[in-house]
C-alpha atoms as a PDB file:
ATOM      1  CA  MET A   1     -13.190  -1.751  -1.787  1.00  0.00           C
ATOM      2  CA  ASP A   2     -11.295   1.461  -1.208  1.00  0.00           C
ATOM      3  CA  TRP A   3      -7.818   0.086  -0.660  1.00  0.00           C
ATOM      4  CA  ARG A   4      -5.025   2.271   0.711  1.00  0.00           C
ATOM      5  CA  PHE A   5      -1.681   1.952  -1.075  1.00  0.00           C
ATOM      6  CA  GLY A   6       1.817   3.082  -0.196  1.00  0.00           C
ATOM      7  CA  ILE A   7       4.724   3.358  -2.611  1.00  0.00           C
ATOM      8  CA  LEU A   8       8.277   3.255  -1.276  1.00  0.00           C
ATOM      9  CA  TRP A   9      11.109   4.102  -3.655  1.00  0.00           C
ATOM     10  CA  ILE A  10      14.432   2.781  -2.410  1.00  0.00           C
ATOM     11  CA  SER A  11      17.321   4.622  -4.031  1.00  0.00           C
ATOM     12  CA  ASP A  12      20.418   6.317  -2.671  1.00  0.00           C
ATOM     13  CA  ARG A  13      20.450   8.831  -5.526  1.00  0.00           C
ATOM     14  CA  GLY A  14      16.692   9.372  -5.275  1.00  0.00           C
ATOM     15  CA  ALA A  15      16.959  10.057  -1.545  1.00  0.00           C
ATOM     16  CA  ARG A  16      19.670  12.653  -2.258  1.00  0.00           C
ATOM     17  CA  GLY A  17      17.491  14.320  -4.901  1.00  0.00           C
ATOM     18  CA  GLU A  18      19.860  13.366  -7.730  1.00  0.00           C
ATOM     19  CA  ARG A  19      17.380  11.204  -9.615  1.00  0.00           C
ATOM     20  CA  GLU A  20      13.637  11.196 -10.318  1.00  0.00           C
ATOM     21  CA  ASP A  21      11.427   8.160  -9.761  1.00  0.00           C
ATOM     22  CA  GLN A  22      10.431   6.885 -13.202  1.00  0.00           C
ATOM     23  CA  SER A  23       8.226   4.074 -11.831  1.00  0.00           C
ATOM     24  CA  ARG A  24       5.899   6.005  -9.515  1.00  0.00           C
ATOM     25  CA  GLY A  25       3.382   7.026 -12.199  1.00  0.00           C
ATOM     26  CA  ILE A  26       3.276   3.547 -13.717  1.00  0.00           C
ATOM     27  CA  ILE A  27       2.720   1.888 -10.343  1.00  0.00           C
ATOM     28  CA  THR A  28       0.115   4.456  -9.288  1.00  0.00           C
ATOM     29  CA  ASP A  29      -1.852   3.991 -12.523  1.00  0.00           C
ATOM     30  CA  LEU A  30      -1.822   0.200 -12.272  1.00  0.00           C
ATOM     31  CA  LEU A  31      -2.928   0.209  -8.639  1.00  0.00           C
ATOM     32  CA  GLU A  32      -5.574   2.926  -8.789  1.00  0.00           C
ATOM     33  CA  LYS A  33      -7.078   2.094 -12.180  1.00  0.00           C
ATOM     34  CA  ARG A  34      -6.841  -1.683 -12.218  1.00  0.00           C
ATOM     35  CA  ILE A  35      -7.342  -2.559  -8.548  1.00  0.00           C
ATOM     36  CA  GLY A  36      -9.211   0.422  -7.153  1.00  0.00           C
ATOM     37  CA  GLY A  37      -8.201   2.454  -4.171  1.00  0.00           C
ATOM     38  CA  ARG A  38      -5.672   5.213  -3.842  1.00  0.00           C
ATOM     39  CA  VAL A  39      -2.045   5.877  -3.115  1.00  0.00           C
ATOM     40  CA  VAL A  40      -2.110   7.600   0.277  1.00  0.00           C
ATOM     41  CA  THR A  41       1.617   7.783   0.915  1.00  0.00           C
ATOM     42  CA  TYR A  42       4.782   7.939  -1.148  1.00  0.00           C
ATOM     43  CA  LYS A  43       8.244   7.947   0.363  1.00  0.00           C
ATOM     44  CA  VAL A  44      11.837   7.864  -0.848  1.00  0.00           C
ATOM     45  CA  VAL A  45      14.607   6.350   1.270  1.00  0.00           C
ATOM     46  CA  PRO A  46      18.245   5.348   0.749  1.00  0.00           C
ATOM     47  CA  ASP A  47      19.376   1.735   0.445  1.00  0.00           C
ATOM     48  CA  GLU A  48      19.736   1.243   4.215  1.00  0.00           C
ATOM     49  CA  ILE A  49      18.117  -1.791   5.845  1.00  0.00           C
ATOM     50  CA  GLU A  50      17.049  -0.055   9.072  1.00  0.00           C
ATOM     51  CA  THR A  51      15.603   2.957   7.250  1.00  0.00           C
ATOM     52  CA  ILE A  52      13.680   0.727   4.839  1.00  0.00           C
ATOM     53  CA  LYS A  53      12.273  -1.361   7.705  1.00  0.00           C
ATOM     54  CA  GLU A  54      11.291   1.665   9.790  1.00  0.00           C
ATOM     55  CA  THR A  55       9.606   3.320   6.818  1.00  0.00           C
ATOM     56  CA  MET A  56       7.582   0.229   5.891  1.00  0.00           C
ATOM     57  CA  ILE A  57       6.463  -0.239   9.493  1.00  0.00           C
ATOM     58  CA  ASP A  58       5.516   3.462   9.663  1.00  0.00           C
ATOM     59  CA  MET A  59       3.478   3.151   6.457  1.00  0.00           C
ATOM     60  CA  ILE A  60       1.602   0.221   7.998  1.00  0.00           C
ATOM     61  CA  GLU A  61       1.082   1.597  11.503  1.00  0.00           C
ATOM     62  CA  ARG A  62       0.743   5.350  10.889  1.00  0.00           C
ATOM     63  CA  ASP A  63      -0.609   5.531   7.332  1.00  0.00           C
ATOM     64  CA  GLY A  64      -2.772   2.403   7.609  1.00  0.00           C
ATOM     65  CA  VAL A  65      -1.909   1.053   4.165  1.00  0.00           C
ATOM     66  CA  ASP A  66      -3.285  -2.246   2.903  1.00  0.00           C
ATOM     67  CA  LEU A  67      -0.489  -2.638   0.350  1.00  0.00           C
ATOM     68  CA  ILE A  68       3.086  -1.400   0.176  1.00  0.00           C
ATOM     69  CA  VAL A  69       4.824  -1.546  -3.182  1.00  0.00           C
ATOM     70  CA  THR A  70       8.564  -0.997  -2.975  1.00  0.00           C
ATOM     71  CA  THR A  71      10.635  -0.241  -6.034  1.00  0.00           C
ATOM     72  CA  GLY A  72      14.391  -0.585  -6.261  1.00  0.00           C
ATOM     73  CA  GLY A  73      17.094  -2.448  -4.393  1.00  0.00           C
ATOM     74  CA  THR A  74      16.129  -5.985  -5.466  1.00  0.00           C
ATOM     75  CA  GLY A  75      19.132  -6.832  -7.664  1.00  0.00           C
ATOM     76  CA  LEU A  76      22.613  -8.144  -6.981  1.00  0.00           C
ATOM     77  CA  GLY A  77      24.342  -4.830  -6.325  1.00  0.00           C
ATOM     78  CA  PRO A  78      26.183  -4.438  -3.026  1.00  0.00           C
ATOM     79  CA  ARG A  79      23.670  -1.787  -1.848  1.00  0.00           C
ATOM     80  CA  ASP A  80      20.567  -3.735  -2.979  1.00  0.00           C
ATOM     81  CA  VAL A  81      19.074  -4.642   0.407  1.00  0.00           C
ATOM     82  CA  THR A  82      15.308  -4.307  -0.063  1.00  0.00           C
ATOM     83  CA  PRO A  83      14.620  -8.078   0.166  1.00  0.00           C
ATOM     84  CA  GLU A  84      16.679  -8.367   3.355  1.00  0.00           C
ATOM     85  CA  ALA A  85      14.788  -5.477   4.961  1.00  0.00           C
ATOM     86  CA  THR A  86      11.452  -6.931   3.876  1.00  0.00           C
ATOM     87  CA  LEU A  87      12.253 -10.397   5.216  1.00  0.00           C
ATOM     88  CA  GLN A  88      13.075  -8.887   8.606  1.00  0.00           C
ATOM     89  CA  ILE A  89       9.598  -7.385   9.020  1.00  0.00           C
ATOM     90  CA  VAL A  90       7.180  -9.790   7.314  1.00  0.00           C
ATOM     91  CA  ASP A  91       5.190 -12.405   9.214  1.00  0.00           C
ATOM     92  CA  ARG A  92       4.704 -14.621   6.157  1.00  0.00           C
ATOM     93  CA  VAL A  93       6.330 -14.886   2.725  1.00  0.00           C
ATOM     94  CA  ILE A  94       4.262 -15.540  -0.422  1.00  0.00           C
ATOM     95  CA  PRO A  95       6.786 -17.211  -2.741  1.00  0.00           C
ATOM     96  CA  GLY A  96       4.335 -17.878  -5.574  1.00  0.00           C
ATOM     97  CA  PHE A  97       3.837 -14.163  -6.274  1.00  0.00           C
ATOM     98  CA  ALA A  98       7.585 -13.512  -6.600  1.00  0.00           C
ATOM     99  CA  GLU A  99       8.051 -16.649  -8.699  1.00  0.00           C
ATOM    100  CA  GLU A 100       5.328 -15.520 -11.115  1.00  0.00           C
ATOM    101  CA  MET A 101       6.848 -12.045 -11.372  1.00  0.00           C
ATOM    102  CA  ARG A 102      10.267 -13.476 -12.217  1.00  0.00           C
ATOM    103  CA  ARG A 103       8.784 -15.981 -14.671  1.00  0.00           C
ATOM    104  CA  ARG A 104       6.885 -13.316 -16.605  1.00  0.00           C
ATOM    105  CA  ALA A 105       9.662 -10.742 -16.527  1.00  0.00           C
ATOM    106  CA  SER A 106      12.316 -13.240 -17.654  1.00  0.00           C
ATOM    107  CA  GLN A 107      10.304 -13.850 -20.835  1.00  0.00           C
ATOM    108  CA  VAL A 108      11.017 -10.217 -21.741  1.00  0.00           C
ATOM    109  CA  SER A 109      14.556 -10.057 -20.351  1.00  0.00           C
ATOM    110  CA  PRO A 110      16.464 -13.076 -18.983  1.00  0.00           C
ATOM    111  CA  ASN A 111      18.350 -10.698 -16.665  1.00  0.00           C
ATOM    112  CA  GLU A 112      15.156 -10.375 -14.612  1.00  0.00           C
ATOM    113  CA  LEU A 113      16.053 -13.736 -13.083  1.00  0.00           C
ATOM    114  CA  PHE A 114      18.622 -11.809 -11.029  1.00  0.00           C
ATOM    115  CA  SER A 115      15.766 -10.205  -9.099  1.00  0.00           C
ATOM    116  CA  ARG A 116      15.611 -11.177  -5.440  1.00  0.00           C
ATOM    117  CA  ALA A 117      12.213  -9.554  -4.887  1.00  0.00           C
ATOM    118  CA  VAL A 118      10.232 -10.771  -1.887  1.00  0.00           C
ATOM    119  CA  ILE A 119       6.489 -10.629  -1.330  1.00  0.00           C
ATOM    120  CA  GLY A 120       4.961 -11.156   2.060  1.00  0.00           C
ATOM    121  CA  THR A 121       2.590  -9.913   4.710  1.00  0.00           C
ATOM    122  CA  ARG A 122       2.922  -7.994   7.934  1.00  0.00           C
ATOM    123  CA  LYS A 123      -0.260  -8.217   9.957  1.00  0.00           C
ATOM    124  CA  ARG A 124      -2.992  -7.284   7.427  1.00  0.00           C
ATOM    125  CA  THR A 125      -0.694  -5.532   4.946  1.00  0.00           C
ATOM    126  CA  LEU A 126       0.698  -7.021   1.744  1.00  0.00           C
ATOM    127  CA  ILE A 127       4.260  -5.975   0.847  1.00  0.00           C
ATOM    128  CA  VAL A 128       5.484  -6.332  -2.742  1.00  0.00           C
ATOM    129  CA  ASN A 129       9.092  -5.688  -3.817  1.00  0.00           C
ATOM    130  CA  LEU A 130       9.509  -4.552  -7.431  1.00  0.00           C
ATOM    131  CA  PRO A 131      12.655  -3.861  -9.444  1.00  0.00           C
ATOM    132  CA  GLY A 132      13.669  -0.235  -9.871  1.00  0.00           C
ATOM    133  CA  ALA A 133      13.657  -0.123 -13.678  1.00  0.00           C
ATOM    134  CA  PRO A 134      10.280   1.277 -14.834  1.00  0.00           C
ATOM    135  CA  ARG A 135       9.587  -1.362 -17.512  1.00  0.00           C
ATOM    136  CA  SER A 136      10.596  -4.195 -15.172  1.00  0.00           C
ATOM    137  CA  ALA A 137       8.440  -2.788 -12.378  1.00  0.00           C
ATOM    138  CA  GLU A 138       5.471  -2.590 -14.751  1.00  0.00           C
ATOM    139  CA  ILE A 139       5.922  -6.155 -16.033  1.00  0.00           C
ATOM    140  CA  CYS A 140       6.356  -7.574 -12.535  1.00  0.00           C
ATOM    141  CA  LEU A 141       3.390  -5.747 -11.013  1.00  0.00           C
ATOM    142  CA  SER A 142       1.185  -6.609 -14.000  1.00  0.00           C
ATOM    143  CA  ALA A 143       2.104 -10.288 -13.554  1.00  0.00           C
ATOM    144  CA  ILE A 144       0.459 -10.436 -10.123  1.00  0.00           C
ATOM    145  CA  LEU A 145      -2.080  -7.616 -10.343  1.00  0.00           C
ATOM    146  CA  GLU A 146      -5.124  -9.883 -10.630  1.00  0.00           C
ATOM    147  CA  PHE A 147      -4.099 -11.746  -7.468  1.00  0.00           C
ATOM    148  CA  ILE A 148      -3.657  -8.668  -5.285  1.00  0.00           C
ATOM    149  CA  PRO A 149      -7.362  -7.907  -4.592  1.00  0.00           C
ATOM    150  CA  PRO A 150      -8.142 -11.465  -3.398  1.00  0.00           C
ATOM    151  CA  ALA A 151      -5.015 -11.401  -1.229  1.00  0.00           C
ATOM    152  CA  LEU A 152      -6.036  -8.054   0.279  1.00  0.00           C
ATOM    153  CA  GLU A 153      -9.550  -9.365   0.912  1.00  0.00           C
ATOM    154  CA  LEU A 154      -8.160 -12.438   2.684  1.00  0.00           C
ATOM    155  CA  LEU A 155      -5.858 -10.282   4.810  1.00  0.00           C
ATOM    156  CA  ALA A 156      -8.754  -7.964   5.694  1.00  0.00           C
ATOM    157  CA  GLY A 157     -10.894 -10.944   6.739  1.00  0.00           C
ATOM    158  CA  LYS A 158     -13.409 -10.352   3.955  1.00  0.00           C
ATOM    159  CA  ARG A 159     -12.864 -13.752   2.314  1.00  0.00           C
ATOM    160  CA  GLY A 160     -12.000 -17.214   3.312  1.00  0.00           C
END
């Protein structure tokens, strides 16, 4: 299947051009090489709930992505609002994916249990929140990578 992926980096400093996204290449490689498909859109937004929501909806409706991977804004900081934005737009939450990500990541660093990442669906699109730290993002995405293609197939009506 030729899946269409979107990556959304949520970072105030990234949106102001003060920081470079260290996770983009890692996420792109994992998605394109291990799942198949291509990243068709990449966006950077500040930690603002409305902006995050609008951008995810735009990626779904305008860019036609099958999967959105967000990175950043999942911790306990006062500006970490990615899970709240995600919960406001998803139709269904998939708690098992987020639980598995936290379980695997906490084996490397117990601090990963602070992650509030959410995974869910909006219409036929899967949305995955990842932490902003590159190594954490890689561990978390790798933890659920094998389950993403079957989930995408179910959402696309190709299984079930």
